[in-house]
């Protein structure tokens, strides 16, 4: 069973508006899914090539709503 942790993050307003637009046009995605995909991809691309991050990334991309 995967545990989830809530985080509070401040992002630039322009990024928030872009995210809102994306979510409106992609109803199978939500904010949590986008942040999980983005954070795990960032970690993979920046040297934290941990299988757990890769697994989260792939699961997030291919999850069914």
N, C-alpha and C. Protein backbone atom coordinates (compact mmCIF):
# COMPACT_ATOMS: atom_id res chain seq x y z
N UNK A 1 0.84 -1.18 0.00
CA UNK A 1 0.00 0.00 0.00
C UNK A 1 0.88 1.23 0.00
N UNK A 2 0.62 2.17 -0.91
CA UNK A 2 1.39 3.40 -0.99
C UNK A 2 0.77 4.46 -0.11
N UNK A 3 1.58 5.03 0.75
CA UNK A 3 1.11 6.14 1.58
C UNK A 3 1.24 7.43 0.79
N UNK A 4 0.39 8.38 1.07
CA UNK A 4 0.50 9.69 0.43
C UNK A 4 0.72 10.74 1.50
N UNK A 5 1.47 11.76 1.14
CA UNK A 5 1.79 12.85 2.04
C UNK A 5 1.29 14.13 1.38
N UNK A 6 0.61 14.96 2.11
CA UNK A 6 0.16 16.25 1.58
C UNK A 6 1.25 17.29 1.75
N UNK A 7 1.42 18.13 0.72
CA UNK A 7 2.36 19.23 0.82
C UNK A 7 1.65 20.51 0.39
N UNK A 8 2.14 21.60 0.88
CA UNK A 8 1.62 22.91 0.51
C UNK A 8 2.74 23.62 -0.23
N UNK A 9 2.48 24.06 -1.44
CA UNK A 9 3.52 24.71 -2.24
C UNK A 9 2.96 25.97 -2.87
N UNK A 10 3.77 26.99 -2.89
CA UNK A 10 3.40 28.22 -3.58
C UNK A 10 4.03 28.19 -4.96
N UNK A 11 3.21 28.50 -5.97
CA UNK A 11 3.71 28.54 -7.35
C UNK A 11 3.35 29.88 -7.96
N UNK A 12 4.10 30.31 -8.97
CA UNK A 12 3.76 31.57 -9.62
C UNK A 12 2.35 31.53 -10.22
N UNK A 13 1.70 32.68 -10.21
CA UNK A 13 0.33 32.77 -10.71
C UNK A 13 0.24 32.34 -12.17
N UNK A 14 1.22 32.71 -12.99
CA UNK A 14 1.20 32.30 -14.40
C UNK A 14 1.21 30.78 -14.54
N UNK A 15 2.01 30.12 -13.72
CA UNK A 15 2.05 28.66 -13.75
C UNK A 15 0.71 28.07 -13.31
N UNK A 16 0.11 28.67 -12.31
CA UNK A 16 -1.20 28.21 -11.83
C UNK A 16 -2.26 28.35 -12.92
N UNK A 17 -2.25 29.47 -13.62
CA UNK A 17 -3.23 29.68 -14.70
C UNK A 17 -3.02 28.65 -15.82
N UNK A 18 -1.78 28.36 -16.15
CA UNK A 18 -1.48 27.36 -17.17
C UNK A 18 -1.95 25.98 -16.72
N UNK A 19 -1.69 25.65 -15.46
CA UNK A 19 -2.13 24.37 -14.90
C UNK A 19 -3.65 24.27 -14.94
N UNK A 20 -4.32 25.33 -14.55
CA UNK A 20 -5.79 25.34 -14.57
C UNK A 20 -6.31 25.06 -15.98
N UNK A 21 -5.71 25.71 -16.97
CA UNK A 21 -6.12 25.49 -18.36
C UNK A 21 -5.91 24.05 -18.79
N UNK A 22 -4.77 23.50 -18.41
CA UNK A 22 -4.47 22.10 -18.75
C UNK A 22 -5.50 21.17 -18.12
N UNK A 23 -5.78 21.38 -16.85
CA UNK A 23 -6.72 20.49 -16.14
C UNK A 23 -8.13 20.60 -16.70
N UNK A 24 -8.51 21.79 -17.15
CA UNK A 24 -9.84 21.96 -17.74
C UNK A 24 -9.97 21.20 -19.06
N UNK A 25 -8.88 21.10 -19.80
CA UNK A 25 -8.95 20.42 -21.09
C UNK A 25 -8.54 18.94 -21.01
N UNK A 26 -8.09 18.49 -19.85
CA UNK A 26 -7.72 17.08 -19.65
C UNK A 26 -8.40 16.57 -18.37
N UNK A 27 -9.68 16.22 -18.45
CA UNK A 27 -10.43 15.85 -17.25
C UNK A 27 -9.95 14.59 -16.54
N UNK A 28 -9.14 13.77 -17.21
CA UNK A 28 -8.63 12.56 -16.55
C UNK A 28 -7.42 12.86 -15.66
N UNK A 29 -6.93 14.08 -15.68
CA UNK A 29 -5.82 14.51 -14.82
C UNK A 29 -6.36 15.41 -13.72
N UNK A 30 -5.70 15.38 -12.56
CA UNK A 30 -6.00 16.33 -11.49
C UNK A 30 -4.68 16.91 -10.97
N UNK A 31 -4.80 17.90 -10.12
CA UNK A 31 -3.61 18.60 -9.63
C UNK A 31 -2.62 17.66 -8.96
N UNK A 32 -3.10 16.73 -8.17
CA UNK A 32 -2.22 15.79 -7.47
C UNK A 32 -1.46 14.92 -8.46
N UNK A 33 -2.14 14.46 -9.49
CA UNK A 33 -1.49 13.61 -10.49
C UNK A 33 -0.42 14.39 -11.25
N UNK A 34 -0.72 15.64 -11.61
CA UNK A 34 0.25 16.48 -12.32
C UNK A 34 1.49 16.71 -11.46
N UNK A 35 1.29 17.05 -10.18
CA UNK A 35 2.44 17.32 -9.31
C UNK A 35 3.27 16.05 -9.08
N UNK A 36 2.63 14.91 -8.94
CA UNK A 36 3.38 13.65 -8.77
C UNK A 36 4.22 13.35 -10.00
N UNK A 37 3.63 13.52 -11.18
CA UNK A 37 4.37 13.28 -12.42
C UNK A 37 5.53 14.26 -12.56
N UNK A 38 5.27 15.53 -12.30
CA UNK A 38 6.30 16.55 -12.46
C UNK A 38 7.45 16.36 -11.47
N UNK A 39 7.12 16.12 -10.23
CA UNK A 39 8.17 15.97 -9.21
C UNK A 39 9.00 14.70 -9.44
N UNK A 40 8.34 13.61 -9.76
CA UNK A 40 9.10 12.38 -9.99
C UNK A 40 9.98 12.51 -11.23
N UNK A 41 9.49 13.14 -12.30
CA UNK A 41 10.31 13.34 -13.49
C UNK A 41 11.50 14.26 -13.18
N UNK A 42 11.28 15.31 -12.40
CA UNK A 42 12.37 16.20 -12.00
C UNK A 42 13.46 15.41 -11.27
N UNK A 43 13.07 14.57 -10.34
CA UNK A 43 14.04 13.78 -9.58
C UNK A 43 14.80 12.80 -10.48
N UNK A 44 14.10 12.18 -11.41
CA UNK A 44 14.75 11.25 -12.33
C UNK A 44 15.76 11.99 -13.21
N UNK A 45 15.36 13.14 -13.73
CA UNK A 45 16.22 13.89 -14.65
C UNK A 45 17.41 14.55 -13.96
N UNK A 46 17.33 14.73 -12.65
CA UNK A 46 18.39 15.44 -11.94
C UNK A 46 19.20 14.54 -11.02
N UNK A 47 19.36 13.32 -11.44
CA UNK A 47 20.33 12.45 -10.80
C UNK A 47 19.82 11.58 -9.67
N UNK A 48 18.59 11.70 -9.29
CA UNK A 48 18.05 10.83 -8.25
C UNK A 48 17.34 9.66 -8.92
N UNK A 49 18.09 8.91 -9.68
CA UNK A 49 17.52 7.81 -10.46
C UNK A 49 17.20 6.64 -9.53
N UNK A 50 16.25 6.86 -8.71
CA UNK A 50 15.78 5.90 -7.74
C UNK A 50 14.60 5.15 -8.38
N UNK A 51 14.60 3.86 -8.25
CA UNK A 51 13.50 3.07 -8.83
C UNK A 51 12.14 3.50 -8.30
N UNK A 52 12.11 3.96 -7.06
CA UNK A 52 10.82 4.39 -6.50
C UNK A 52 10.29 5.61 -7.25
N UNK A 53 11.16 6.57 -7.55
CA UNK A 53 10.74 7.75 -8.31
C UNK A 53 10.29 7.35 -9.71
N UNK A 54 11.03 6.44 -10.34
CA UNK A 54 10.66 5.97 -11.68
C UNK A 54 9.31 5.26 -11.65
N UNK A 55 9.10 4.45 -10.62
CA UNK A 55 7.82 3.73 -10.50
C UNK A 55 6.66 4.71 -10.33
N UNK A 56 6.84 5.72 -9.48
CA UNK A 56 5.79 6.72 -9.28
C UNK A 56 5.51 7.44 -10.59
N UNK A 57 6.56 7.80 -11.30
CA UNK A 57 6.40 8.50 -12.58
C UNK A 57 5.58 7.66 -13.57
N UNK A 58 5.98 6.42 -13.76
CA UNK A 58 5.28 5.57 -14.72
C UNK A 58 3.85 5.27 -14.27
N UNK A 59 3.66 5.01 -13.01
CA UNK A 59 2.30 4.76 -12.50
C UNK A 59 1.41 5.98 -12.68
N UNK A 60 1.97 7.14 -12.47
CA UNK A 60 1.21 8.38 -12.60
C UNK A 60 0.81 8.61 -14.06
N UNK A 61 1.74 8.39 -14.97
CA UNK A 61 1.45 8.61 -16.38
C UNK A 61 0.38 7.67 -16.91
N UNK A 62 0.43 6.42 -16.46
CA UNK A 62 -0.45 5.41 -17.05
C UNK A 62 -1.65 5.02 -16.19
N UNK A 63 -1.89 5.74 -15.12
CA UNK A 63 -3.04 5.39 -14.28
C UNK A 63 -4.33 5.69 -15.02
N UNK A 64 -5.30 4.86 -14.78
CA UNK A 64 -6.61 5.04 -15.37
C UNK A 64 -7.49 5.80 -14.39
N UNK A 65 -8.29 6.70 -14.90
CA UNK A 65 -9.19 7.45 -14.00
C UNK A 65 -10.46 6.69 -13.74
